[in-house]
Amino acid sequence: TPLAASNDFENPNPILKQALDAVPTIQEGRTMVLVAASEEAAPPPADEQRRRRAQAAEKLQNIDGAERQRRLQAGRVLAVVTLAQSAYLCASHAGPITRLSLLPFLFLSLGLYESAREGL
């Protein structure tokens, strides 16, 4: 049966629900800061909330401009770290298996960059 639209979401997977409820950064009234952290959010006035929701729905985005900037900056820093690591591995003639250590930084930097670009 499809879930009815409401203000409350009930996770149908009890294990996932318990895991998400245990994460302190995913709580009502908190805003995400660089994916892994959160801070208390002071809710804006009701008319401002409606305006922001309409704008986010129109643009299909779910993170605000400040978080997008933080993710873009973090993505750029990780890209530089990845480039530096790549240069080191090439200069030290590292083997192919060792070069695979580039992938986590590469994927994370690209993920943060795309998240900032798309607003998701």
PDB file of N, CA and C in Angstrom:
ATOM      1  N   THR A   1       0.846  -1.193   0.000  1.00  0.00           N
ATOM      2  CA  THR A   1       0.000   0.000   0.000  1.00  0.00           C
ATOM      3  C   THR A   1       0.884   1.246   0.000  1.00  0.00           C
ATOM      4  N   PRO A   2       0.522   2.249  -0.788  1.00  0.00           N
ATOM      5  CA  PRO A   2       1.322   3.468  -0.827  1.00  0.00           C
ATOM      6  C   PRO A   2       1.200   4.257   0.472  1.00  0.00           C
ATOM      7  N   LEU A   3       2.252   4.974   0.817  1.00  0.00           N
ATOM      8  CA  LEU A   3       2.229   5.802   2.012  1.00  0.00           C
ATOM      9  C   LEU A   3       1.391   7.045   1.756  1.00  0.00           C
ATOM     10  N   ALA A   4       0.571   7.404   2.693  1.00  0.00           N
ATOM     11  CA  ALA A   4      -0.244   8.608   2.566  1.00  0.00           C
ATOM     12  C   ALA A   4       0.619   9.826   2.843  1.00  0.00           C
ATOM     13  N   ALA A   5       0.333  10.897   2.151  1.00  0.00           N
ATOM     14  CA  ALA A   5       1.066  12.138   2.375  1.00  0.00           C
ATOM     15  C   ALA A   5       0.659  12.713   3.728  1.00  0.00           C
ATOM     16  N   SER A   6       1.633  13.012   4.562  1.00  0.00           N
ATOM     17  CA  SER A   6       1.368  13.602   5.870  1.00  0.00           C
ATOM     18  C   SER A   6       2.630  14.296   6.345  1.00  0.00           C
ATOM     19  N   ASN A   7       2.522  14.926   7.486  1.00  0.00           N
ATOM     20  CA  ASN A   7       3.688  15.585   8.064  1.00  0.00           C
ATOM     21  C   ASN A   7       4.621  14.599   8.742  1.00  0.00           C
ATOM     22  N   ASP A   8       4.114  13.432   9.102  1.00  0.00           N
ATOM     23  CA  ASP A   8       4.910  12.437   9.801  1.00  0.00           C
ATOM     24  C   ASP A   8       5.263  11.299   8.870  1.00  0.00           C
ATOM     25  N   PHE A   9       6.523  10.900   8.911  1.00  0.00           N
ATOM     26  CA  PHE A   9       6.971   9.767   8.122  1.00  0.00           C
ATOM     27  C   PHE A   9       7.257   8.625   9.068  1.00  0.00           C
ATOM     28  N   GLU A  10       6.718   7.496   8.798  1.00  0.00           N
ATOM     29  CA  GLU A  10       6.964   6.296   9.593  1.00  0.00           C
ATOM     30  C   GLU A  10       7.781   5.347   8.744  1.00  0.00           C
ATOM     31  N   ASN A  11       9.023   5.098   9.147  1.00  0.00           N
ATOM     32  CA  ASN A  11       9.904   4.221   8.400  1.00  0.00           C
ATOM     33  C   ASN A  11       9.396   2.785   8.514  1.00  0.00           C
ATOM     34  N   PRO A  12       9.125   2.114   7.388  1.00  0.00           N
ATOM     35  CA  PRO A  12       8.588   0.761   7.451  1.00  0.00           C
ATOM     36  C   PRO A  12       9.629  -0.289   7.839  1.00  0.00           C
ATOM     37  N   ASN A  13      10.908   0.050   7.816  1.00  0.00           N
ATOM     38  CA  ASN A  13      11.967  -0.883   8.175  1.00  0.00           C
ATOM     39  C   ASN A  13      12.387  -0.603   9.623  1.00  0.00           C
ATOM     40  N   PRO A  14      12.042  -1.471  10.579  1.00  0.00           N
ATOM     41  CA  PRO A  14      12.342  -1.170  11.984  1.00  0.00           C
ATOM     42  C   PRO A  14      13.840  -1.089  12.292  1.00  0.00           C
ATOM     43  N   ILE A  15      14.651  -1.874  11.597  1.00  0.00           N
ATOM     44  CA  ILE A  15      16.094  -1.834  11.847  1.00  0.00           C
ATOM     45  C   ILE A  15      16.664  -0.503  11.365  1.00  0.00           C
ATOM     46  N   LEU A  16      16.261  -0.077  10.174  1.00  0.00           N
ATOM     47  CA  LEU A  16      16.722   1.203   9.650  1.00  0.00           C
ATOM     48  C   LEU A  16      16.201   2.361  10.495  1.00  0.00           C
ATOM     49  N   LYS A  17      14.962   2.276  10.943  1.00  0.00           N
ATOM     50  CA  LYS A  17      14.394   3.319  11.792  1.00  0.00           C
ATOM     51  C   LYS A  17      15.203   3.464  13.070  1.00  0.00           C
ATOM     52  N   GLN A  18      15.546   2.345  13.697  1.00  0.00           N
ATOM     53  CA  GLN A  18      16.323   2.380  14.931  1.00  0.00           C
ATOM     54  C   GLN A  18      17.708   2.974  14.677  1.00  0.00           C
ATOM     55  N   ALA A  19      18.323   2.608  13.548  1.00  0.00           N
ATOM     56  CA  ALA A  19      19.649   3.137  13.218  1.00  0.00           C
ATOM     57  C   ALA A  19      19.593   4.642  12.988  1.00  0.00           C
ATOM     58  N   LEU A  20      18.595   5.111  12.238  1.00  0.00           N
ATOM     59  CA  LEU A  20      18.488   6.546  11.960  1.00  0.00           C
ATOM     60  C   LEU A  20      18.140   7.341  13.205  1.00  0.00           C
ATOM     61  N   ASP A  21      17.308   6.776  14.068  1.00  0.00           N
ATOM     62  CA  ASP A  21      16.952   7.467  15.306  1.00  0.00           C
ATOM     63  C   ASP A  21      18.157   7.609  16.234  1.00  0.00           C
ATOM     64  N   ALA A  22      19.142   6.721  16.103  1.00  0.00           N
ATOM     65  CA  ALA A  22      20.328   6.771  16.952  1.00  0.00           C
ATOM     66  C   ALA A  22      21.344   7.819  16.492  1.00  0.00           C
ATOM     67  N   VAL A  23      21.211   8.295  15.255  1.00  0.00           N
ATOM     68  CA  VAL A  23      22.167   9.277  14.735  1.00  0.00           C
ATOM     69  C   VAL A  23      21.748  10.663  15.215  1.00  0.00           C
ATOM     70  N   PRO A  24      22.602  11.326  16.024  1.00  0.00           N
ATOM     71  CA  PRO A  24      22.194  12.626  16.580  1.00  0.00           C
ATOM     72  C   PRO A  24      22.079  13.740  15.543  1.00  0.00           C
ATOM     73  N   THR A  25      22.714  13.589  14.380  1.00  0.00           N
ATOM     74  CA  THR A  25      22.643  14.656  13.379  1.00  0.00           C
ATOM     75  C   THR A  25      21.353  14.622  12.579  1.00  0.00           C
ATOM     76  N   ILE A  26      20.584  13.522  12.669  1.00  0.00           N
ATOM     77  CA  ILE A  26      19.329  13.408  11.919  1.00  0.00           C
ATOM     78  C   ILE A  26      18.181  13.508  12.914  1.00  0.00           C
ATOM     79  N   GLN A  27      17.946  14.690  13.419  1.00  0.00           N
ATOM     80  CA  GLN A  27      16.895  14.909  14.395  1.00  0.00           C
ATOM     81  C   GLN A  27      16.056  16.115  13.987  1.00  0.00           C
ATOM     82  N   GLU A  28      14.815  16.094  14.392  1.00  0.00           N
ATOM     83  CA  GLU A  28      13.900  17.207  14.140  1.00  0.00           C
ATOM     84  C   GLU A  28      14.474  18.483  14.756  1.00  0.00           C
ATOM     85  N   GLY A  29      14.436  19.569  13.998  1.00  0.00           N
ATOM     86  CA  GLY A  29      14.886  20.857  14.510  1.00  0.00           C
ATOM     87  C   GLY A  29      16.382  21.097  14.383  1.00  0.00           C
ATOM     88  N   ARG A  30      17.085  20.218  13.685  1.00  0.00           N
ATOM     89  CA  ARG A  30      18.522  20.380  13.476  1.00  0.00           C
ATOM     90  C   ARG A  30      18.786  20.522  11.983  1.00  0.00           C
ATOM     91  N   THR A  31      19.852  21.222  11.643  1.00  0.00           N
ATOM     92  CA  THR A  31      20.223  21.384  10.244  1.00  0.00           C
ATOM     93  C   THR A  31      21.592  20.749  10.023  1.00  0.00           C
ATOM     94  N   MET A  32      21.771  20.131   8.860  1.00  0.00           N
ATOM     95  CA  MET A  32      23.020  19.442   8.547  1.00  0.00           C
ATOM     96  C   MET A  32      24.140  20.445   8.308  1.00  0.00           C
ATOM     97  N   VAL A  33      25.338  20.080   8.753  1.00  0.00           N
ATOM     98  CA  VAL A  33      26.540  20.866   8.513  1.00  0.00           C
ATOM     99  C   VAL A  33      27.585  19.898   7.986  1.00  0.00           C
ATOM    100  N   LEU A  34      27.912  20.010   6.703  1.00  0.00           N
ATOM    101  CA  LEU A  34      28.902  19.164   6.056  1.00  0.00           C
ATOM    102  C   LEU A  34      28.633  17.682   6.257  1.00  0.00           C
ATOM    103  N   VAL A  35      27.458  17.272   6.016  1.00  0.00           N
ATOM    104  CA  VAL A  35      27.027  15.887   5.960  1.00  0.00           C
ATOM    105  C   VAL A  35      27.070  15.189   7.308  1.00  0.00           C
ATOM    106  N   ALA A  36      28.162  15.265   8.062  1.00  0.00           N
ATOM    107  CA  ALA A  36      28.330  14.454   9.255  1.00  0.00           C
ATOM    108  C   ALA A  36      27.991  15.171  10.556  1.00  0.00           C
ATOM    109  N   ALA A  37      27.758  16.441  10.531  1.00  0.00           N
ATOM    110  CA  ALA A  37      27.474  17.187  11.753  1.00  0.00           C
ATOM    111  C   ALA A  37      26.141  17.914  11.609  1.00  0.00           C
ATOM    112  N   SER A  38      25.653  18.442  12.719  1.00  0.00           N
ATOM    113  CA  SER A  38      24.422  19.226  12.673  1.00  0.00           C
ATOM    114  C   SER A  38      24.458  20.282  13.759  1.00  0.00           C
ATOM    115  N   GLU A  39      23.571  21.234  13.636  1.00  0.00           N
ATOM    116  CA  GLU A  39      23.453  22.288  14.630  1.00  0.00           C
ATOM    117  C   GLU A  39      21.983  22.618  14.813  1.00  0.00           C
ATOM    118  N   GLU A  40      21.666  23.200  15.975  1.00  0.00           N
ATOM    119  CA  GLU A  40      20.293  23.600  16.237  1.00  0.00           C
ATOM    120  C   GLU A  40      19.879  24.647  15.213  1.00  0.00           C
ATOM    121  N   ALA A  41      18.680  24.503  14.728  1.00  0.00           N
ATOM    122  CA  ALA A  41      18.172  25.445  13.733  1.00  0.00           C
ATOM    123  C   ALA A  41      17.034  26.255  14.341  1.00  0.00           C
ATOM    124  N   ALA A  42      17.133  27.557  14.228  1.00  0.00           N
ATOM    125  CA  ALA A  42      16.039  28.423  14.643  1.00  0.00           C
ATOM    126  C   ALA A  42      15.084  28.527  13.464  1.00  0.00           C
ATOM    127  N   PRO A  43      13.862  28.027  13.615  1.00  0.00           N
ATOM    128  CA  PRO A  43      12.949  28.055  12.471  1.00  0.00           C
ATOM    129  C   PRO A  43      12.563  29.480  12.086  1.00  0.00           C
ATOM    130  N   PRO A  44      12.566  29.755  10.783  1.00  0.00           N
ATOM    131  CA  PRO A  44      12.149  31.084  10.328  1.00  0.00           C
ATOM    132  C   PRO A  44      10.629  31.237  10.490  1.00  0.00           C
ATOM    133  N   PRO A  45      10.126  32.436  10.300  1.00  0.00           N
ATOM    134  CA  PRO A  45       8.671  32.643  10.376  1.00  0.00           C
ATOM    135  C   PRO A  45       7.932  31.759   9.362  1.00  0.00           C
ATOM    136  N   ALA A  46       6.665  31.507   9.626  1.00  0.00           N
ATOM    137  CA  ALA A  46       5.864  30.587   8.804  1.00  0.00           C
ATOM    138  C   ALA A  46       5.825  31.005   7.336  1.00  0.00           C
ATOM    139  N   ASP A  47       5.681  32.302   7.057  1.00  0.00           N
ATOM    140  CA  ASP A  47       5.624  32.737   5.651  1.00  0.00           C
ATOM    141  C   ASP A  47       6.964  32.514   4.945  1.00  0.00           C
ATOM    142  N   GLU A  48       8.075  32.682   5.680  1.00  0.00           N
ATOM    143  CA  GLU A  48       9.393  32.425   5.110  1.00  0.00           C
ATOM    144  C   GLU A  48       9.574  30.921   4.858  1.00  0.00           C
ATOM    145  N   GLN A  49       9.072  30.084   5.766  1.00  0.00           N
ATOM    146  CA  GLN A  49       9.129  28.640   5.573  1.00  0.00           C
ATOM    147  C   GLN A  49       8.378  28.227   4.308  1.00  0.00           C
ATOM    148  N   ARG A  50       7.190  28.792   4.119  1.00  0.00           N
ATOM    149  CA  ARG A  50       6.406  28.475   2.914  1.00  0.00           C
ATOM    150  C   ARG A  50       7.140  28.902   1.649  1.00  0.00           C
ATOM    151  N   ARG A  51       7.747  30.087   1.687  1.00  0.00           N
ATOM    152  CA  ARG A  51       8.484  30.575   0.528  1.00  0.00           C
ATOM    153  C   ARG A  51       9.676  29.671   0.213  1.00  0.00           C
ATOM    154  N   ARG A  52      10.413  29.273   1.249  1.00  0.00           N
ATOM    155  CA  ARG A  52      11.578  28.399   1.042  1.00  0.00           C
ATOM    156  C   ARG A  52      11.162  27.025   0.525  1.00  0.00           C
ATOM    157  N   ARG A  53      10.082  26.486   1.061  1.00  0.00           N
ATOM    158  CA  ARG A  53       9.604  25.174   0.593  1.00  0.00           C
ATOM    159  C   ARG A  53       9.175  25.233  -0.864  1.00  0.00           C
ATOM    160  N   ALA A  54       8.480  26.304  -1.222  1.00  0.00           N
ATOM    161  CA  ALA A  54       8.042  26.447  -2.617  1.00  0.00           C
ATOM    162  C   ALA A  54       9.247  26.579  -3.547  1.00  0.00           C
ATOM    163  N   GLN A  55      10.226  27.351  -3.130  1.00  0.00           N
ATOM    164  CA  GLN A  55      11.436  27.521  -3.939  1.00  0.00           C
ATOM    165  C   GLN A  55      12.194  26.197  -4.057  1.00  0.00           C
ATOM    166  N   ALA A  56      12.329  25.450  -2.957  1.00  0.00           N
ATOM    167  CA  ALA A  56      13.036  24.162  -2.982  1.00  0.00           C
ATOM    168  C   ALA A  56      12.292  23.153  -3.851  1.00  0.00           C
ATOM    169  N   ALA A  57      10.971  23.165  -3.775  1.00  0.00           N
ATOM    170  CA  ALA A  57      10.182  22.240  -4.597  1.00  0.00           C
ATOM    171  C   ALA A  57      10.302  22.588  -6.072  1.00  0.00           C
ATOM    172  N   GLU A  58      10.333  23.868  -6.369  1.00  0.00           N
ATOM    173  CA  GLU A  58      10.455  24.301  -7.766  1.00  0.00           C
ATOM    174  C   GLU A  58      11.810  23.913  -8.348  1.00  0.00           C
ATOM    175  N   LYS A  59      12.855  24.058  -7.547  1.00  0.00           N
ATOM    176  CA  LYS A  59      14.212  23.760  -8.016  1.00  0.00           C
ATOM    177  C   LYS A  59      14.626  22.317  -7.723  1.00  0.00           C
ATOM    178  N   LEU A  60      13.770  21.551  -7.056  1.00  0.00           N
ATOM    179  CA  LEU A  60      14.067  20.169  -6.662  1.00  0.00           C
ATOM    180  C   LEU A  60      15.354  20.095  -5.845  1.00  0.00           C
ATOM    181  N   GLN A  61      15.446  20.932  -4.810  1.00  0.00           N
ATOM    182  CA  GLN A  61      16.607  20.968  -3.928  1.00  0.00           C
ATOM    183  C   GLN A  61      16.166  20.750  -2.497  1.00  0.00           C
ATOM    184  N   ASN A  62      17.064  20.153  -1.693  1.00  0.00           N
ATOM    185  CA  ASN A  62      16.702  19.978  -0.292  1.00  0.00           C
ATOM    186  C   ASN A  62      17.794  20.425   0.677  1.00  0.00           C
ATOM    187  N   ILE A  63      18.818  21.153   0.204  1.00  0.00           N
ATOM    188  CA  ILE A  63      19.794  21.757   1.111  1.00  0.00           C
ATOM    189  C   ILE A  63      19.900  23.236   0.777  1.00  0.00           C
ATOM    190  N   ASP A  64      20.174  24.033   1.809  1.00  0.00           N
ATOM    191  CA  ASP A  64      20.199  25.480   1.610  1.00  0.00           C
ATOM    192  C   ASP A  64      21.536  25.963   1.043  1.00  0.00           C
ATOM    193  N   GLY A  65      21.593  27.223   0.730  1.00  0.00           N
ATOM    194  CA  GLY A  65      22.775  27.799   0.101  1.00  0.00           C
ATOM    195  C   GLY A  65      24.025  27.711   0.953  1.00  0.00           C
ATOM    196  N   ALA A  66      23.891  27.891   2.265  1.00  0.00           N
ATOM    197  CA  ALA A  66      25.066  27.826   3.149  1.00  0.00           C
ATOM    198  C   ALA A  66      25.665  26.423   3.139  1.00  0.00           C
ATOM    199  N   GLU A  67      24.815  25.403   3.208  1.00  0.00           N
ATOM    200  CA  GLU A  67      25.311  24.019   3.181  1.00  0.00           C
ATOM    201  C   GLU A  67      25.903  23.684   1.816  1.00  0.00           C
ATOM    202  N   ARG A  68      25.308  24.223   0.763  1.00  0.00           N
ATOM    203  CA  ARG A  68      25.867  24.000  -0.576  1.00  0.00           C
ATOM    204  C   ARG A  68      27.268  24.585  -0.675  1.00  0.00           C
ATOM    205  N   GLN A  69      27.481  25.773  -0.110  1.00  0.00           N
ATOM    206  CA  GLN A  69      28.807  26.393  -0.124  1.00  0.00           C
ATOM    207  C   GLN A  69      29.798  25.561   0.679  1.00  0.00           C
ATOM    208  N   ARG A  70      29.386  25.064   1.858  1.00  0.00           N
ATOM    209  CA  ARG A  70      30.281  24.229   2.660  1.00  0.00           C
ATOM    210  C   ARG A  70      30.664  22.967   1.899  1.00  0.00           C
ATOM    211  N   ARG A  71      29.697  22.338   1.232  1.00  0.00           N
ATOM    212  CA  ARG A  71      29.992  21.120   0.478  1.00  0.00           C
ATOM    213  C   ARG A  71      30.893  21.398  -0.715  1.00  0.00           C
ATOM    214  N   LEU A  72      30.689  22.511  -1.379  1.00  0.00           N
ATOM    215  CA  LEU A  72      31.547  22.880  -2.502  1.00  0.00           C
ATOM    216  C   LEU A  72      32.978  23.096  -2.025  1.00  0.00           C
ATOM    217  N   GLN A  73      33.125  23.816  -0.916  1.00  0.00           N
ATOM    218  CA  GLN A  73      34.457  24.076  -0.374  1.00  0.00           C
ATOM    219  C   GLN A  73      35.125  22.766   0.055  1.00  0.00           C
ATOM    220  N   ALA A  74      34.400  21.890   0.738  1.00  0.00           N
ATOM    221  CA  ALA A  74      34.968  20.604   1.159  1.00  0.00           C
ATOM    222  C   ALA A  74      35.324  19.748  -0.055  1.00  0.00           C
ATOM    223  N   GLY A  75      34.489  19.759  -1.077  1.00  0.00           N
ATOM    224  CA  GLY A  75      34.770  19.006  -2.295  1.00  0.00           C
ATOM    225  C   GLY A  75      36.034  19.494  -2.981  1.00  0.00           C
ATOM    226  N   ARG A  76      36.234  20.802  -2.989  1.00  0.00           N
ATOM    227  CA  ARG A  76      37.442  21.367  -3.598  1.00  0.00           C
ATOM    228  C   ARG A  76      38.693  20.992  -2.804  1.00  0.00           C
ATOM    229  N   VAL A  77      38.593  21.059  -1.478  1.00  0.00           N
ATOM    230  CA  VAL A  77      39.737  20.682  -0.642  1.00  0.00           C
ATOM    231  C   VAL A  77      40.091  19.218  -0.863  1.00  0.00           C
ATOM    232  N   LEU A  78      39.088  18.352  -0.881  1.00  0.00           N
ATOM    233  CA  LEU A  78      39.356  16.926  -1.112  1.00  0.00           C
ATOM    234  C   LEU A  78      39.893  16.673  -2.512  1.00  0.00           C
ATOM    235  N   ALA A  79      39.478  17.463  -3.487  1.00  0.00           N
ATOM    236  CA  ALA A  79      40.017  17.317  -4.842  1.00  0.00           C
ATOM    237  C   ALA A  79      41.497  17.659  -4.855  1.00  0.00           C
ATOM    238  N   VAL A  80      41.892  18.694  -4.127  1.00  0.00           N
ATOM    239  CA  VAL A  80      43.313  19.064  -4.050  1.00  0.00           C
ATOM    240  C   VAL A  80      44.095  17.969  -3.327  1.00  0.00           C
ATOM    241  N   VAL A  81      43.526  17.424  -2.246  1.00  0.00           N
ATOM    242  CA  VAL A  81      44.172  16.322  -1.532  1.00  0.00           C
ATOM    243  C   VAL A  81      44.343  15.124  -2.464  1.00  0.00           C
ATOM    244  N   THR A  82      43.322  14.816  -3.237  1.00  0.00           N
ATOM    245  CA  THR A  82      43.390  13.703  -4.183  1.00  0.00           C
ATOM    246  C   THR A  82      44.459  13.942  -5.236  1.00  0.00           C
ATOM    247  N   LEU A  83      44.537  15.156  -5.741  1.00  0.00           N
ATOM    248  CA  LEU A  83      45.554  15.495  -6.733  1.00  0.00           C
ATOM    249  C   LEU A  83      46.960  15.366  -6.143  1.00  0.00           C
ATOM    250  N   ALA A  84      47.135  15.847  -4.913  1.00  0.00           N
ATOM    251  CA  ALA A  84      48.446  15.744  -4.259  1.00  0.00           C
ATOM    252  C   ALA A  84      48.813  14.276  -4.026  1.00  0.00           C
ATOM    253  N   GLN A  85      47.848  13.484  -3.579  1.00  0.00           N
ATOM    254  CA  GLN A  85      48.104  12.057  -3.367  1.00  0.00           C
ATOM    255  C   GLN A  85      48.437  11.374  -4.695  1.00  0.00           C
ATOM    256  N   SER A  86      47.739  11.750  -5.743  1.00  0.00           N
ATOM    257  CA  SER A  86      48.001  11.186  -7.065  1.00  0.00           C
ATOM    258  C   SER A  86      49.415  11.512  -7.519  1.00  0.00           C
ATOM    259  N   ALA A  87      49.837  12.744  -7.339  1.00  0.00           N
ATOM    260  CA  ALA A  87      51.182  13.146  -7.726  1.00  0.00           C
ATOM    261  C   ALA A  87      52.227  12.366  -6.932  1.00  0.00           C
ATOM    262  N   TYR A  88      51.971  12.200  -5.640  1.00  0.00           N
ATOM    263  CA  TYR A  88      52.911  11.442  -4.805  1.00  0.00           C
ATOM    264  C   TYR A  88      52.997   9.989  -5.266  1.00  0.00           C
ATOM    265  N   LEU A  89      51.856   9.389  -5.526  1.00  0.00           N
ATOM    266  CA  LEU A  89      51.858   7.981  -5.943  1.00  0.00           C
ATOM    267  C   LEU A  89      52.559   7.800  -7.287  1.00  0.00           C
ATOM    268  N   CYS A  90      52.367   8.750  -8.190  1.00  0.00           N
ATOM    269  CA  CYS A  90      53.065   8.663  -9.486  1.00  0.00           C
ATOM    270  C   CYS A  90      54.563   8.853  -9.313  1.00  0.00           C
ATOM    271  N   ALA A  91      54.962   9.828  -8.483  1.00  0.00           N
ATOM    272  CA  ALA A  91      56.389  10.106  -8.274  1.00  0.00           C
ATOM    273  C   ALA A  91      57.092   8.951  -7.572  1.00  0.00           C
ATOM    274  N   SER A  92      56.357   8.240  -6.712  1.00  0.00           N
ATOM    275  CA  SER A  92      56.971   7.128  -5.982  1.00  0.00           C
ATOM    276  C   SER A  92      56.828   5.801  -6.718  1.00  0.00           C
ATOM    277  N   HIS A  93      56.295   5.849  -7.928  1.00  0.00           N
ATOM    278  CA  HIS A  93      56.106   4.651  -8.756  1.00  0.00           C
ATOM    279  C   HIS A  93      55.319   3.568  -8.018  1.00  0.00           C
ATOM    280  N   ALA A  94      54.226   4.002  -7.376  1.00  0.00           N
ATOM    281  CA  ALA A  94      53.387   3.069  -6.613  1.00  0.00           C
ATOM    282  C   ALA A  94      52.707   2.084  -7.560  1.00  0.00           C
ATOM    283  N   GLY A  95      52.456   0.909  -7.056  1.00  0.00           N
ATOM    284  CA  GLY A  95      51.809  -0.127  -7.845  1.00  0.00           C
ATOM    285  C   GLY A  95      50.328   0.152  -8.035  1.00  0.00           C
ATOM    286  N   PRO A  96      49.701  -0.604  -8.928  1.00  0.00           N
ATOM    287  CA  PRO A  96      48.285  -0.376  -9.233  1.00  0.00           C
ATOM    288  C   PRO A  96      47.355  -0.561  -8.024  1.00  0.00           C
ATOM    289  N   ILE A  97      47.654  -1.514  -7.178  1.00  0.00           N
ATOM    290  CA  ILE A  97      46.796  -1.737  -6.006  1.00  0.00           C
ATOM    291  C   ILE A  97      46.887  -0.545  -5.056  1.00  0.00           C
ATOM    292  N   THR A  98      48.088  -0.036  -4.874  1.00  0.00           N
ATOM    293  CA  THR A  98      48.275   1.130  -3.999  1.00  0.00           C
ATOM    294  C   THR A  98      47.548   2.348  -4.562  1.00  0.00           C
ATOM    295  N   ARG A  99      47.507   2.474  -5.865  1.00  0.00           N
ATOM    296  CA  ARG A  99      46.840   3.617  -6.496  1.00  0.00           C
ATOM    297  C   ARG A  99      45.326   3.595  -6.267  1.00  0.00           C
ATOM    298  N   LEU A 100      44.786   2.440  -5.925  1.00  0.00           N
ATOM    299  CA  LEU A 100      43.351   2.360  -5.622  1.00  0.00           C
ATOM    300  C   LEU A 100      42.986   3.183  -4.384  1.00  0.00           C
ATOM    301  N   SER A 101      43.993   3.538  -3.583  1.00  0.00           N
ATOM    302  CA  SER A 101      43.723   4.368  -2.404  1.00  0.00           C
ATOM    303  C   SER A 101      43.222   5.760  -2.795  1.00  0.00           C
ATOM    304  N   LEU A 102      43.339   6.120  -4.065  1.00  0.00           N
ATOM    305  CA  LEU A 102      42.815   7.402  -4.549  1.00  0.00           C
ATOM    306  C   LEU A 102      41.290   7.414  -4.611  1.00  0.00           C
ATOM    307  N   LEU A 103      40.699   6.252  -4.806  1.00  0.00           N
ATOM    308  CA  LEU A 103      39.261   6.197  -5.083  1.00  0.00           C
ATOM    309  C   LEU A 103      38.373   6.785  -3.992  1.00  0.00           C
ATOM    310  N   PRO A 104      38.583   6.475  -2.697  1.00  0.00           N
ATOM    311  CA  PRO A 104      37.679   7.080  -1.696  1.00  0.00           C
ATOM    312  C   PRO A 104      37.690   8.606  -1.727  1.00  0.00           C
ATOM    313  N   PHE A 105      38.891   9.203  -1.809  1.00  0.00           N
ATOM    314  CA  PHE A 105      38.970  10.669  -1.866  1.00  0.00           C
ATOM    315  C   PHE A 105      38.348  11.210  -3.148  1.00  0.00           C
ATOM    316  N   LEU A 106      38.587  10.531  -4.247  1.00  0.00           N
ATOM    317  CA  LEU A 106      38.025  10.958  -5.522  1.00  0.00           C
ATOM    318  C   LEU A 106      36.501  10.920  -5.487  1.00  0.00           C
ATOM    319  N   PHE A 107      35.941   9.798  -5.042  1.00  0.00           N
ATOM    320  CA  PHE A 107      34.482   9.663  -5.003  1.00  0.00           C
ATOM    321  C   PHE A 107      33.860  10.649  -4.018  1.00  0.00           C
ATOM    322  N   LEU A 108      34.488  10.838  -2.855  1.00  0.00           N
ATOM    323  CA  LEU A 108      33.938  11.763  -1.870  1.00  0.00           C
ATOM    324  C   LEU A 108      33.997  13.202  -2.381  1.00  0.00           C
ATOM    325  N   SER A 109      35.113  13.586  -3.005  1.00  0.00           N
ATOM    326  CA  SER A 109      35.206  14.957  -3.514  1.00  0.00           C
ATOM    327  C   SER A 109      34.204  15.196  -4.636  1.00  0.00           C
ATOM    328  N   LEU A 110      34.050  14.224  -5.533  1.00  0.00           N
ATOM    329  CA  LEU A 110      33.064  14.379  -6.602  1.00  0.00           C
ATOM    330  C   LEU A 110      31.638  14.394  -6.058  1.00  0.00           C
ATOM    331  N   GLY A 111      31.378  13.558  -5.055  1.00  0.00           N
ATOM    332  CA  GLY A 111      30.045  13.524  -4.442  1.00  0.00           C
ATOM    333  C   GLY A 111      29.689  14.840  -3.784  1.00  0.00           C
ATOM    334  N   LEU A 112      30.623  15.421  -3.040  1.00  0.00           N
ATOM    335  CA  LEU A 112      30.373  16.715  -2.405  1.00  0.00           C
ATOM    336  C   LEU A 112      30.197  17.819  -3.441  1.00  0.00           C
ATOM    337  N   TYR A 113      31.013  17.797  -4.480  1.00  0.00           N
ATOM    338  CA  TYR A 113      30.900  18.799  -5.537  1.00  0.00           C
ATOM    339  C   TYR A 113      29.539  18.709  -6.222  1.00  0.00           C
ATOM    340  N   GLU A 114      29.127  17.504  -6.589  1.00  0.00           N
ATOM    341  CA  GLU A 114      27.832  17.338  -7.262  1.00  0.00           C
ATOM    342  C   GLU A 114      26.669  17.677  -6.335  1.00  0.00           C
ATOM    343  N   SER A 115      26.805  17.339  -5.051  1.00  0.00           N
ATOM    344  CA  SER A 115      25.760  17.686  -4.090  1.00  0.00           C
ATOM    345  C   SER A 115      25.605  19.205  -4.006  1.00  0.00           C
ATOM    346  N   ALA A 116      26.718  19.910  -3.995  1.00  0.00           N
ATOM    347  CA  ALA A 116      26.660  21.382  -3.952  1.00  0.00           C
ATOM    348  C   ALA A 116      26.058  21.931  -5.241  1.00  0.00           C
ATOM    349  N   ARG A 117      26.425  21.338  -6.363  1.00  0.00           N
ATOM    350  CA  ARG A 117      25.941  21.835  -7.662  1.00  0.00           C
ATOM    351  C   ARG A 117      24.447  21.595  -7.817  1.00  0.00           C
ATOM    352  N   GLU A 118      23.990  20.400  -7.429  1.00  0.00           N
ATOM    353  CA  GLU A 118      22.583  20.043  -7.626  1.00  0.00           C
ATOM    354  C   GLU A 118      21.671  20.481  -6.477  1.00  0.00           C
ATOM    355  N   GLY A 119      22.243  20.702  -5.307  1.00  0.00           N
ATOM    356  CA  GLY A 119      21.426  21.090  -4.153  1.00  0.00           C
ATOM    357  C   GLY A 119      20.740  19.913  -3.505  1.00  0.00           C
ATOM    358  N   LEU A 120      21.304  18.726  -3.653  1.00  0.00           N
ATOM    359  CA  LEU A 120      20.731  17.512  -3.059  1.00  0.00           C
ATOM    360  C   LEU A 120      21.685  16.870  -2.098  1.00  0.00           C
TER     361      LEU A 120
END
